[in-house]
Amino acid sequence: LDTLAGEPLTFAGNVTDLVGTTAFRVAGTGWDVVVVDAEQAQVEVGDYVEVTGTVRRFELSPIEAEYGAELEEAVYEPYVGRLVLVADSVTVTEPAGPPAEA
């Protein structure tokens, strides 16, 4: 993700963990990303989601100010300074399978 800081990104994967009330972890094959979602999409562990947003370094105060959210410092402290995806949209969906045969 380092080379993607500040860039828009869309990806899909499985929700593996809920982090507080405004973030969750998504994993795919060989990768794992924390998604900060100020809109608080209703996701659960095991959901397959498509996420669009911007990659940025997580800093608690700017995120709180920008989204009008109060984040629990103890919950989010492990992510400070790490690259996360700040979501613009989160959609619970189904994984794309192989094309249907005619």
N, C-alpha and C. Protein backbone atom coordinates (compact mmCIF):
# COMPACT_ATOMS: atom_id res chain seq x y z
N LEU A 1 0.80 -1.21 0.00
CA LEU A 1 0.00 0.00 0.00
C LEU A 1 0.84 1.27 0.00
N ASP A 2 2.10 1.20 0.40
CA ASP A 2 2.92 2.41 0.50
C ASP A 2 2.90 3.25 -0.76
N THR A 3 2.97 2.62 -1.91
CA THR A 3 3.00 3.37 -3.16
C THR A 3 1.64 3.93 -3.53
N LEU A 4 0.60 3.53 -2.82
CA LEU A 4 -0.76 3.97 -3.13
C LEU A 4 -1.26 5.10 -2.23
N ALA A 5 -0.45 5.57 -1.29
CA ALA A 5 -0.89 6.63 -0.37
C ALA A 5 -1.41 7.82 -1.15
N GLY A 6 -2.62 8.26 -0.81
CA GLY A 6 -3.25 9.40 -1.47
C GLY A 6 -4.02 9.03 -2.72
N GLU A 7 -3.95 7.78 -3.13
CA GLU A 7 -4.60 7.33 -4.36
C GLU A 7 -5.97 6.71 -4.08
N PRO A 8 -6.89 6.86 -5.04
CA PRO A 8 -8.17 6.15 -4.91
C PRO A 8 -7.95 4.66 -5.19
N LEU A 9 -8.77 3.82 -4.56
CA LEU A 9 -8.60 2.38 -4.71
C LEU A 9 -9.95 1.70 -4.52
N THR A 10 -10.21 0.69 -5.34
CA THR A 10 -11.38 -0.17 -5.18
C THR A 10 -10.88 -1.60 -5.09
N PHE A 11 -11.38 -2.35 -4.12
CA PHE A 11 -11.01 -3.76 -3.99
C PHE A 11 -12.15 -4.50 -3.31
N ALA A 12 -12.04 -5.81 -3.32
CA ALA A 12 -13.05 -6.65 -2.68
C ALA A 12 -12.36 -7.72 -1.86
N GLY A 13 -13.01 -8.15 -0.79
CA GLY A 13 -12.45 -9.20 0.05
C GLY A 13 -13.41 -9.52 1.18
N ASN A 14 -12.97 -10.39 2.07
CA ASN A 14 -13.79 -10.83 3.19
C ASN A 14 -13.50 -10.01 4.44
N VAL A 15 -14.55 -9.61 5.15
CA VAL A 15 -14.40 -8.94 6.44
C VAL A 15 -13.91 -9.98 7.44
N THR A 16 -12.74 -9.70 8.04
CA THR A 16 -12.15 -10.66 8.98
C THR A 16 -12.25 -10.22 10.43
N ASP A 17 -12.52 -8.92 10.66
CA ASP A 17 -12.55 -8.41 12.03
C ASP A 17 -13.24 -7.06 12.03
N LEU A 18 -13.99 -6.75 13.08
CA LEU A 18 -14.56 -5.43 13.27
C LEU A 18 -13.66 -4.68 14.25
N VAL A 19 -13.32 -3.44 13.91
CA VAL A 19 -12.44 -2.62 14.73
C VAL A 19 -13.25 -1.42 15.22
N GLY A 20 -13.67 -1.45 16.47
CA GLY A 20 -14.49 -0.36 16.98
C GLY A 20 -15.79 -0.28 16.20
N THR A 21 -16.34 0.93 16.12
CA THR A 21 -17.63 1.11 15.44
C THR A 21 -17.50 1.67 14.04
N THR A 22 -16.30 2.11 13.65
CA THR A 22 -16.16 2.74 12.35
C THR A 22 -15.06 2.14 11.47
N ALA A 23 -14.60 0.95 11.80
CA ALA A 23 -13.56 0.35 10.98
C ALA A 23 -13.68 -1.16 11.01
N PHE A 24 -13.10 -1.78 9.98
CA PHE A 24 -13.07 -3.23 9.91
C PHE A 24 -11.88 -3.64 9.06
N ARG A 25 -11.49 -4.91 9.19
CA ARG A 25 -10.38 -5.45 8.41
C ARG A 25 -10.94 -6.28 7.27
N VAL A 26 -10.30 -6.15 6.11
CA VAL A 26 -10.68 -6.94 4.94
C VAL A 26 -9.43 -7.67 4.47
N ALA A 27 -9.59 -8.94 4.12
CA ALA A 27 -8.45 -9.73 3.66
C ALA A 27 -8.77 -10.42 2.35
N GLY A 28 -7.72 -10.59 1.59
CA GLY A 28 -7.77 -11.36 0.35
C GLY A 28 -6.59 -12.31 0.37
N THR A 29 -6.26 -12.87 -0.74
CA THR A 29 -5.13 -13.78 -0.82
C THR A 29 -3.82 -13.01 -0.66
N GLY A 30 -3.17 -13.14 0.49
CA GLY A 30 -1.88 -12.52 0.73
C GLY A 30 -1.92 -11.07 1.13
N TRP A 31 -3.08 -10.50 1.43
CA TRP A 31 -3.14 -9.11 1.87
C TRP A 31 -4.23 -8.91 2.91
N ASP A 32 -4.12 -7.80 3.63
CA ASP A 32 -5.01 -7.48 4.74
C ASP A 32 -5.02 -5.96 4.88
N VAL A 33 -6.21 -5.34 4.88
CA VAL A 33 -6.32 -3.88 4.91
C VAL A 33 -7.34 -3.47 5.97
N VAL A 34 -7.03 -2.42 6.72
CA VAL A 34 -8.00 -1.82 7.64
C VAL A 34 -8.77 -0.77 6.86
N VAL A 35 -10.10 -0.85 6.93
CA VAL A 35 -10.98 0.10 6.25
C VAL A 35 -11.64 0.97 7.30
N VAL A 36 -11.46 2.28 7.19
CA VAL A 36 -12.12 3.22 8.07
C VAL A 36 -13.37 3.69 7.34
N ASP A 37 -14.53 3.46 7.95
CA ASP A 37 -15.80 3.74 7.30
C ASP A 37 -16.66 4.63 8.19
N ALA A 38 -16.57 5.94 7.96
CA ALA A 38 -17.31 6.89 8.79
C ALA A 38 -18.82 6.76 8.60
N GLU A 39 -19.24 6.21 7.47
CA GLU A 39 -20.67 6.01 7.22
C GLU A 39 -21.20 4.80 7.98
N GLN A 40 -20.31 4.00 8.52
CA GLN A 40 -20.64 2.84 9.33
C GLN A 40 -21.56 1.86 8.62
N ALA A 41 -21.11 1.36 7.49
CA ALA A 41 -21.86 0.34 6.76
C ALA A 41 -22.11 -0.85 7.69
N GLN A 42 -23.22 -1.48 7.49
CA GLN A 42 -23.58 -2.63 8.32
C GLN A 42 -22.89 -3.88 7.77
N VAL A 43 -21.69 -4.14 8.24
CA VAL A 43 -20.95 -5.33 7.82
C VAL A 43 -20.72 -6.23 9.02
N GLU A 44 -20.56 -7.50 8.72
CA GLU A 44 -20.29 -8.49 9.76
C GLU A 44 -19.09 -9.32 9.34
N VAL A 45 -18.42 -9.91 10.30
CA VAL A 45 -17.31 -10.80 9.99
C VAL A 45 -17.83 -11.90 9.08
N GLY A 46 -17.10 -12.14 8.00
CA GLY A 46 -17.49 -13.15 7.03
C GLY A 46 -18.14 -12.57 5.79
N ASP A 47 -18.64 -11.32 5.87
CA ASP A 47 -19.23 -10.68 4.69
C ASP A 47 -18.17 -10.48 3.62
N TYR A 48 -18.56 -10.59 2.37
CA TYR A 48 -17.69 -10.26 1.24
C TYR A 48 -18.10 -8.86 0.81
N VAL A 49 -17.14 -7.93 0.80
CA VAL A 49 -17.45 -6.53 0.52
C VAL A 49 -16.62 -5.98 -0.63
N GLU A 50 -17.20 -5.01 -1.32
CA GLU A 50 -16.45 -4.22 -2.29
C GLU A 50 -16.32 -2.83 -1.68
N VAL A 51 -15.10 -2.32 -1.64
CA VAL A 51 -14.82 -1.05 -0.98
C VAL A 51 -14.12 -0.11 -1.95
N THR A 52 -14.59 1.14 -1.98
CA THR A 52 -13.93 2.19 -2.76
C THR A 52 -13.58 3.31 -1.80
N GLY A 53 -12.37 3.84 -1.90
CA GLY A 53 -11.96 4.92 -1.02
C GLY A 53 -10.57 5.41 -1.38
N THR A 54 -9.93 6.05 -0.39
CA THR A 54 -8.61 6.63 -0.59
C THR A 54 -7.65 6.06 0.44
N VAL A 55 -6.48 5.66 -0.03
CA VAL A 55 -5.44 5.15 0.85
C VAL A 55 -4.78 6.34 1.55
N ARG A 56 -4.68 6.26 2.86
CA ARG A 56 -3.99 7.34 3.60
C ARG A 56 -3.42 6.81 4.90
N ARG A 57 -2.50 7.57 5.46
CA ARG A 57 -1.90 7.20 6.73
C ARG A 57 -2.90 7.56 7.84
N PHE A 58 -3.16 6.61 8.74
CA PHE A 58 -4.16 6.81 9.77
C PHE A 58 -3.62 7.69 10.89
N GLU A 59 -4.29 8.80 11.10
CA GLU A 59 -4.03 9.69 12.23
C GLU A 59 -5.38 9.97 12.88
N LEU A 60 -5.49 9.74 14.16
CA LEU A 60 -6.76 9.79 14.87
C LEU A 60 -7.46 11.14 14.78
N SER A 61 -6.81 12.21 15.20
CA SER A 61 -7.46 13.53 15.25
C SER A 61 -7.96 14.02 13.90
N PRO A 62 -7.16 13.95 12.82
CA PRO A 62 -7.66 14.40 11.52
C PRO A 62 -8.86 13.59 11.03
N ILE A 63 -8.87 12.29 11.27
CA ILE A 63 -10.01 11.46 10.86
C ILE A 63 -11.25 11.87 11.65
N GLU A 64 -11.10 12.07 12.95
CA GLU A 64 -12.23 12.49 13.78
C GLU A 64 -12.79 13.82 13.29
N ALA A 65 -11.90 14.79 13.03
CA ALA A 65 -12.33 16.12 12.60
C ALA A 65 -13.00 16.07 11.23
N GLU A 66 -12.42 15.32 10.32
CA GLU A 66 -12.92 15.28 8.95
C GLU A 66 -14.30 14.62 8.86
N TYR A 67 -14.53 13.59 9.67
CA TYR A 67 -15.78 12.84 9.57
C TYR A 67 -16.73 13.07 10.74
N GLY A 68 -16.37 13.95 11.66
CA GLY A 68 -17.25 14.24 12.79
C GLY A 68 -17.48 13.01 13.65
N ALA A 69 -16.48 12.16 13.75
CA ALA A 69 -16.61 10.93 14.52
C ALA A 69 -15.73 11.01 15.75
N GLU A 70 -16.19 10.38 16.82
CA GLU A 70 -15.36 10.26 18.02
C GLU A 70 -14.88 8.82 18.09
N LEU A 71 -13.59 8.62 17.90
CA LEU A 71 -13.02 7.28 17.89
C LEU A 71 -12.34 6.99 19.22
N GLU A 72 -12.52 5.77 19.72
CA GLU A 72 -11.90 5.38 20.97
C GLU A 72 -10.40 5.19 20.76
N GLU A 73 -9.62 6.03 21.42
CA GLU A 73 -8.17 6.01 21.22
C GLU A 73 -7.57 4.63 21.47
N ALA A 74 -8.01 3.95 22.51
CA ALA A 74 -7.43 2.65 22.85
C ALA A 74 -7.68 1.62 21.74
N VAL A 75 -8.82 1.72 21.06
CA VAL A 75 -9.17 0.77 20.00
C VAL A 75 -8.35 1.03 18.75
N TYR A 76 -8.17 2.31 18.41
CA TYR A 76 -7.54 2.67 17.14
C TYR A 76 -6.04 2.93 17.23
N GLU A 77 -5.49 3.00 18.43
CA GLU A 77 -4.06 3.28 18.63
C GLU A 77 -3.14 2.36 17.83
N PRO A 78 -3.43 1.04 17.73
CA PRO A 78 -2.53 0.17 16.97
C PRO A 78 -2.42 0.53 15.49
N TYR A 79 -3.36 1.31 14.97
CA TYR A 79 -3.38 1.63 13.55
C TYR A 79 -2.80 3.00 13.22
N VAL A 80 -2.49 3.80 14.24
CA VAL A 80 -1.94 5.13 14.02
C VAL A 80 -0.61 5.01 13.26
N GLY A 81 -0.50 5.79 12.20
CA GLY A 81 0.70 5.79 11.38
C GLY A 81 0.70 4.74 10.28
N ARG A 82 -0.25 3.80 10.32
CA ARG A 82 -0.33 2.76 9.29
C ARG A 82 -1.18 3.26 8.13
N LEU A 83 -0.95 2.69 6.96
CA LEU A 83 -1.81 3.00 5.82
C LEU A 83 -3.12 2.23 5.96
N VAL A 84 -4.21 2.94 5.75
CA VAL A 84 -5.55 2.36 5.80
C VAL A 84 -6.30 2.85 4.57
N LEU A 85 -7.47 2.29 4.33
CA LEU A 85 -8.33 2.80 3.27
C LEU A 85 -9.48 3.53 3.93
N VAL A 86 -9.64 4.83 3.63
CA VAL A 86 -10.77 5.60 4.13
C VAL A 86 -11.87 5.45 3.08
N ALA A 87 -12.94 4.78 3.45
CA ALA A 87 -13.97 4.37 2.50
C ALA A 87 -14.89 5.51 2.09
N ASP A 88 -15.17 5.56 0.79
CA ASP A 88 -16.24 6.40 0.25
C ASP A 88 -17.51 5.57 0.11
N SER A 89 -17.33 4.28 -0.22
CA SER A 89 -18.49 3.39 -0.32
C SER A 89 -18.09 1.98 0.06
N VAL A 90 -19.03 1.29 0.69
CA VAL A 90 -18.86 -0.10 1.09
C VAL A 90 -20.12 -0.84 0.67
N THR A 91 -19.96 -1.90 -0.11
CA THR A 91 -21.10 -2.68 -0.57
C THR A 91 -20.89 -4.14 -0.21
N VAL A 92 -21.86 -4.70 0.51
CA VAL A 92 -21.82 -6.14 0.77
C VAL A 92 -22.31 -6.82 -0.50
N THR A 93 -21.54 -7.78 -0.99
CA THR A 93 -21.84 -8.41 -2.27
C THR A 93 -21.46 -9.88 -2.22
N GLU A 94 -21.47 -10.53 -3.34
CA GLU A 94 -21.03 -11.92 -3.45
C GLU A 94 -19.74 -11.95 -4.26
N PRO A 95 -18.84 -12.87 -3.95
CA PRO A 95 -17.62 -12.98 -4.75
C PRO A 95 -17.97 -13.32 -6.19
N ALA A 96 -17.21 -12.76 -7.11
CA ALA A 96 -17.41 -13.09 -8.52
C ALA A 96 -16.90 -14.50 -8.75
N GLY A 97 -17.70 -15.29 -9.39
CA GLY A 97 -17.30 -16.65 -9.69
C GLY A 97 -16.85 -16.75 -11.14
N PRO A 98 -16.55 -17.95 -11.57
CA PRO A 98 -16.17 -18.11 -12.97
C PRO A 98 -17.37 -17.81 -13.87
N PRO A 99 -17.14 -17.39 -15.10
CA PRO A 99 -18.24 -17.09 -16.01
C PRO A 99 -19.13 -18.31 -16.20
N ALA A 100 -20.42 -18.06 -16.29
CA ALA A 100 -21.37 -19.16 -16.50
C ALA A 100 -21.19 -19.73 -17.90
N GLU A 101 -21.28 -21.03 -17.99
CA GLU A 101 -21.17 -21.66 -19.31
C GLU A 101 -22.47 -21.53 -20.05
N ALA A 102 -22.37 -21.33 -21.35
CA ALA A 102 -23.59 -21.15 -22.17
C ALA A 102 -24.22 -22.48 -22.48
